[in-house]
Amino acid sequence: MLLINGCTPGDAFSEEPPAMHWAQFLSAFFFTGCLAVPILLAVTGATAWQASLLNLASILILCIACGLGLVYQKGWLGEGMLGDSLLS
């Protein structure tokens, strides 16, 4: 995500920067590795299933936290739902 944010311009109507495809590739590569490595280690018996499931659960919690942060930052909740009631 940091790679994509660093390679995108602030203007939504400008052309895609030349390094954008590399940022997308590296982000997908690292995220796939975060998911695939624990599964491969568990399947081959190098680690216990509990350790791999714990690792996958932590990645899921991180994705949920990033998603909720994005929703709150963009203001997609609106006034009727949570809004700013948590900060008041």
N, C-alpha and C. Protein backbone atom coordinates (compact mmCIF):
# COMPACT_ATOMS: atom_id res chain seq x y z
N MET A 1 0.82 -1.18 0.00
CA MET A 1 0.00 0.00 0.00
C MET A 1 0.87 1.25 0.00
N LEU A 2 1.98 1.21 0.72
CA LEU A 2 2.87 2.36 0.72
C LEU A 2 3.49 2.59 -0.64
N LEU A 3 3.79 1.49 -1.35
CA LEU A 3 4.34 1.64 -2.69
C LEU A 3 3.35 2.29 -3.64
N ILE A 4 2.10 1.86 -3.56
CA ILE A 4 1.08 2.42 -4.44
C ILE A 4 0.83 3.88 -4.10
N ASN A 5 0.74 4.21 -2.82
CA ASN A 5 0.52 5.60 -2.42
C ASN A 5 1.70 6.49 -2.81
N GLY A 6 2.90 5.94 -2.75
CA GLY A 6 4.08 6.73 -3.12
C GLY A 6 4.21 6.96 -4.61
N CYS A 7 3.63 6.09 -5.42
CA CYS A 7 3.78 6.20 -6.87
C CYS A 7 2.58 6.84 -7.55
N THR A 8 1.54 7.15 -6.83
CA THR A 8 0.38 7.76 -7.47
C THR A 8 0.42 9.27 -7.30
N PRO A 9 0.02 10.00 -8.32
CA PRO A 9 -0.02 11.45 -8.20
C PRO A 9 -1.25 11.89 -7.42
N GLY A 10 -1.25 13.12 -6.96
CA GLY A 10 -2.39 13.65 -6.25
C GLY A 10 -3.56 13.97 -7.17
N ASP A 11 -3.28 14.15 -8.46
CA ASP A 11 -4.32 14.51 -9.42
C ASP A 11 -4.94 13.24 -9.99
N ALA A 12 -6.25 13.11 -9.86
CA ALA A 12 -6.94 11.91 -10.34
C ALA A 12 -7.04 11.86 -11.86
N PHE A 13 -6.87 13.01 -12.54
CA PHE A 13 -7.04 13.05 -13.98
C PHE A 13 -5.72 12.97 -14.75
N SER A 14 -4.61 12.87 -14.06
CA SER A 14 -3.33 12.76 -14.75
C SER A 14 -3.11 11.32 -15.20
N GLU A 15 -2.15 11.14 -16.11
CA GLU A 15 -1.86 9.81 -16.59
C GLU A 15 -1.17 9.00 -15.50
N GLU A 16 -1.21 7.68 -15.68
CA GLU A 16 -0.58 6.79 -14.71
C GLU A 16 0.93 6.97 -14.75
N PRO A 17 1.58 7.14 -13.60
CA PRO A 17 3.03 7.32 -13.60
C PRO A 17 3.73 6.04 -14.06
N PRO A 18 4.96 6.15 -14.55
CA PRO A 18 5.63 4.98 -15.10
C PRO A 18 5.93 3.89 -14.07
N ALA A 19 6.06 4.23 -12.81
CA ALA A 19 6.40 3.23 -11.80
C ALA A 19 5.18 2.59 -11.16
N MET A 20 3.99 2.97 -11.60
CA MET A 20 2.77 2.47 -10.96
C MET A 20 2.63 0.95 -11.11
N HIS A 21 2.94 0.40 -12.29
CA HIS A 21 2.78 -1.04 -12.47
C HIS A 21 3.76 -1.82 -11.59
N TRP A 22 4.95 -1.27 -11.35
CA TRP A 22 5.89 -1.94 -10.45
C TRP A 22 5.41 -1.88 -9.00
N ALA A 23 4.80 -0.79 -8.62
CA ALA A 23 4.27 -0.68 -7.26
C ALA A 23 3.14 -1.68 -7.05
N GLN A 24 2.27 -1.83 -8.05
CA GLN A 24 1.18 -2.81 -7.96
C GLN A 24 1.73 -4.23 -7.92
N PHE A 25 2.74 -4.51 -8.75
CA PHE A 25 3.33 -5.85 -8.78
C PHE A 25 3.97 -6.20 -7.44
N LEU A 26 4.78 -5.29 -6.90
CA LEU A 26 5.46 -5.58 -5.64
C LEU A 26 4.48 -5.69 -4.47
N SER A 27 3.45 -4.88 -4.47
CA SER A 27 2.44 -4.99 -3.41
C SER A 27 1.74 -6.34 -3.47
N ALA A 28 1.36 -6.76 -4.66
CA ALA A 28 0.70 -8.06 -4.82
C ALA A 28 1.66 -9.20 -4.47
N PHE A 29 2.92 -9.06 -4.84
CA PHE A 29 3.91 -10.10 -4.54
C PHE A 29 4.09 -10.28 -3.04
N PHE A 30 4.25 -9.18 -2.31
CA PHE A 30 4.46 -9.28 -0.86
C PHE A 30 3.21 -9.75 -0.14
N PHE A 31 2.03 -9.30 -0.57
CA PHE A 31 0.80 -9.72 0.08
C PHE A 31 0.54 -11.21 -0.18
N THR A 32 0.82 -11.67 -1.39
CA THR A 32 0.66 -13.10 -1.70
C THR A 32 1.63 -13.93 -0.87
N GLY A 33 2.84 -13.41 -0.67
CA GLY A 33 3.79 -14.12 0.17
C GLY A 33 3.34 -14.21 1.61
N CYS A 34 2.68 -13.15 2.10
CA CYS A 34 2.17 -13.18 3.48
C CYS A 34 1.09 -14.24 3.65
N LEU A 35 0.34 -14.51 2.59
CA LEU A 35 -0.70 -15.54 2.67
C LEU A 35 -0.17 -16.93 2.34
N ALA A 36 0.71 -17.02 1.35
CA ALA A 36 1.13 -18.33 0.86
C ALA A 36 2.16 -19.01 1.76
N VAL A 37 3.05 -18.25 2.34
CA VAL A 37 4.12 -18.86 3.13
C VAL A 37 3.58 -19.62 4.35
N PRO A 38 2.67 -19.04 5.15
CA PRO A 38 2.15 -19.82 6.28
C PRO A 38 1.40 -21.08 5.85
N ILE A 39 0.68 -21.00 4.73
CA ILE A 39 -0.04 -22.18 4.25
C ILE A 39 0.94 -23.25 3.78
N LEU A 40 1.96 -22.85 3.03
CA LEU A 40 2.94 -23.83 2.57
C LEU A 40 3.71 -24.45 3.73
N LEU A 41 4.05 -23.67 4.73
CA LEU A 41 4.76 -24.22 5.89
C LEU A 41 3.88 -25.20 6.65
N ALA A 42 2.59 -24.93 6.75
CA ALA A 42 1.69 -25.83 7.45
C ALA A 42 1.46 -27.11 6.65
N VAL A 43 1.32 -26.99 5.34
CA VAL A 43 1.08 -28.16 4.50
C VAL A 43 2.29 -29.10 4.49
N THR A 44 3.48 -28.54 4.47
CA THR A 44 4.68 -29.37 4.45
C THR A 44 5.04 -29.90 5.83
N GLY A 45 4.37 -29.42 6.87
CA GLY A 45 4.64 -29.91 8.21
C GLY A 45 5.79 -29.19 8.91
N ALA A 46 6.26 -28.10 8.34
CA ALA A 46 7.37 -27.37 8.96
C ALA A 46 6.92 -26.63 10.21
N THR A 47 5.65 -26.23 10.26
CA THR A 47 5.10 -25.58 11.44
C THR A 47 3.76 -26.22 11.77
N ALA A 48 3.27 -25.94 12.94
CA ALA A 48 1.96 -26.45 13.35
C ALA A 48 0.86 -25.64 12.66
N TRP A 49 -0.30 -26.26 12.49
CA TRP A 49 -1.43 -25.56 11.87
C TRP A 49 -1.88 -24.37 12.71
N GLN A 50 -1.76 -24.50 14.03
CA GLN A 50 -2.18 -23.41 14.89
C GLN A 50 -1.36 -22.15 14.64
N ALA A 51 -0.06 -22.31 14.44
CA ALA A 51 0.81 -21.16 14.18
C ALA A 51 0.45 -20.51 12.84
N SER A 52 0.18 -21.31 11.84
CA SER A 52 -0.18 -20.76 10.53
C SER A 52 -1.53 -20.06 10.58
N LEU A 53 -2.48 -20.64 11.30
CA LEU A 53 -3.79 -20.00 11.42
C LEU A 53 -3.70 -18.69 12.20
N LEU A 54 -2.84 -18.66 13.20
CA LEU A 54 -2.63 -17.43 13.96
C LEU A 54 -2.03 -16.33 13.06
N ASN A 55 -1.09 -16.72 12.22
CA ASN A 55 -0.49 -15.77 11.30
C ASN A 55 -1.53 -15.26 10.30
N LEU A 56 -2.34 -16.15 9.75
CA LEU A 56 -3.38 -15.74 8.79
C LEU A 56 -4.43 -14.86 9.47
N ALA A 57 -4.76 -15.15 10.71
CA ALA A 57 -5.73 -14.33 11.44
C ALA A 57 -5.17 -12.93 11.69
N SER A 58 -3.88 -12.83 11.97
CA SER A 58 -3.30 -11.50 12.18
C SER A 58 -3.30 -10.69 10.88
N ILE A 59 -3.09 -11.33 9.75
CA ILE A 59 -3.15 -10.64 8.46
C ILE A 59 -4.59 -10.18 8.19
N LEU A 60 -5.56 -11.01 8.53
CA LEU A 60 -6.96 -10.64 8.35
C LEU A 60 -7.33 -9.45 9.23
N ILE A 61 -6.87 -9.44 10.47
CA ILE A 61 -7.14 -8.32 11.37
C ILE A 61 -6.50 -7.04 10.83
N LEU A 62 -5.29 -7.14 10.29
CA LEU A 62 -4.63 -5.97 9.71
C LEU A 62 -5.41 -5.44 8.51
N CYS A 63 -5.90 -6.33 7.65
CA CYS A 63 -6.69 -5.89 6.49
C CYS A 63 -7.99 -5.23 6.92
N ILE A 64 -8.65 -5.77 7.93
CA ILE A 64 -9.89 -5.17 8.43
C ILE A 64 -9.61 -3.80 9.02
N ALA A 65 -8.53 -3.68 9.78
CA ALA A 65 -8.18 -2.38 10.37
C ALA A 65 -7.86 -1.34 9.30
N CYS A 66 -7.14 -1.74 8.26
CA CYS A 66 -6.84 -0.81 7.17
C CYS A 66 -8.11 -0.42 6.42
N GLY A 67 -9.00 -1.38 6.22
CA GLY A 67 -10.26 -1.08 5.54
C GLY A 67 -11.13 -0.14 6.35
N LEU A 68 -11.22 -0.36 7.64
CA LEU A 68 -12.01 0.53 8.49
C LEU A 68 -11.39 1.93 8.56
N GLY A 69 -10.06 1.99 8.58
CA GLY A 69 -9.40 3.29 8.56
C GLY A 69 -9.68 4.05 7.27
N LEU A 70 -9.70 3.34 6.15
CA LEU A 70 -10.01 3.97 4.87
C LEU A 70 -11.45 4.45 4.83
N VAL A 71 -12.38 3.63 5.33
CA VAL A 71 -13.79 4.02 5.36
C VAL A 71 -13.98 5.26 6.23
N TYR A 72 -13.34 5.28 7.37
CA TYR A 72 -13.48 6.44 8.27
C TYR A 72 -12.81 7.67 7.68
N GLN A 73 -11.66 7.50 7.02
CA GLN A 73 -10.94 8.62 6.44
C GLN A 73 -11.73 9.24 5.29
N LYS A 74 -12.33 8.41 4.46
CA LYS A 74 -13.10 8.92 3.32
C LYS A 74 -14.46 9.45 3.72
N GLY A 75 -14.92 9.15 4.92
CA GLY A 75 -16.21 9.64 5.38
C GLY A 75 -17.39 8.89 4.77
N TRP A 76 -17.20 7.62 4.45
CA TRP A 76 -18.26 6.83 3.82
C TRP A 76 -19.32 6.40 4.81
N LEU A 77 -19.11 6.62 6.09
CA LEU A 77 -20.10 6.20 7.09
C LEU A 77 -21.31 7.13 7.11
N GLY A 78 -21.10 8.38 6.83
CA GLY A 78 -22.20 9.34 6.85
C GLY A 78 -22.53 9.78 8.26
N GLU A 79 -23.50 10.63 8.37
CA GLU A 79 -23.89 11.17 9.68
C GLU A 79 -24.79 10.23 10.46
N GLY A 80 -25.61 9.43 9.76
CA GLY A 80 -26.58 8.59 10.45
C GLY A 80 -25.97 7.40 11.16
N MET A 81 -24.83 6.92 10.69
CA MET A 81 -24.22 5.74 11.29
C MET A 81 -23.28 6.19 12.41
N LEU A 82 -22.08 5.73 12.42
CA LEU A 82 -21.15 6.09 13.52
C LEU A 82 -20.75 7.55 13.47
N GLY A 83 -20.40 8.03 12.28
CA GLY A 83 -20.03 9.44 12.12
C GLY A 83 -18.94 9.85 13.11
N ASP A 84 -19.11 10.98 13.75
CA ASP A 84 -18.15 11.47 14.71
C ASP A 84 -18.58 11.22 16.14
N SER A 85 -19.55 10.34 16.35
CA SER A 85 -20.07 10.11 17.70
C SER A 85 -19.03 9.46 18.61
N LEU A 86 -18.04 8.75 18.01
CA LEU A 86 -17.02 8.13 18.84
C LEU A 86 -16.04 9.16 19.39
N LEU A 87 -15.88 10.27 18.68
CA LEU A 87 -14.91 11.28 19.11
C LEU A 87 -15.55 12.34 19.98
N SER A 88 -16.85 12.41 20.03
CA SER A 88 -17.54 13.46 20.80
C SER A 88 -17.66 13.10 22.26
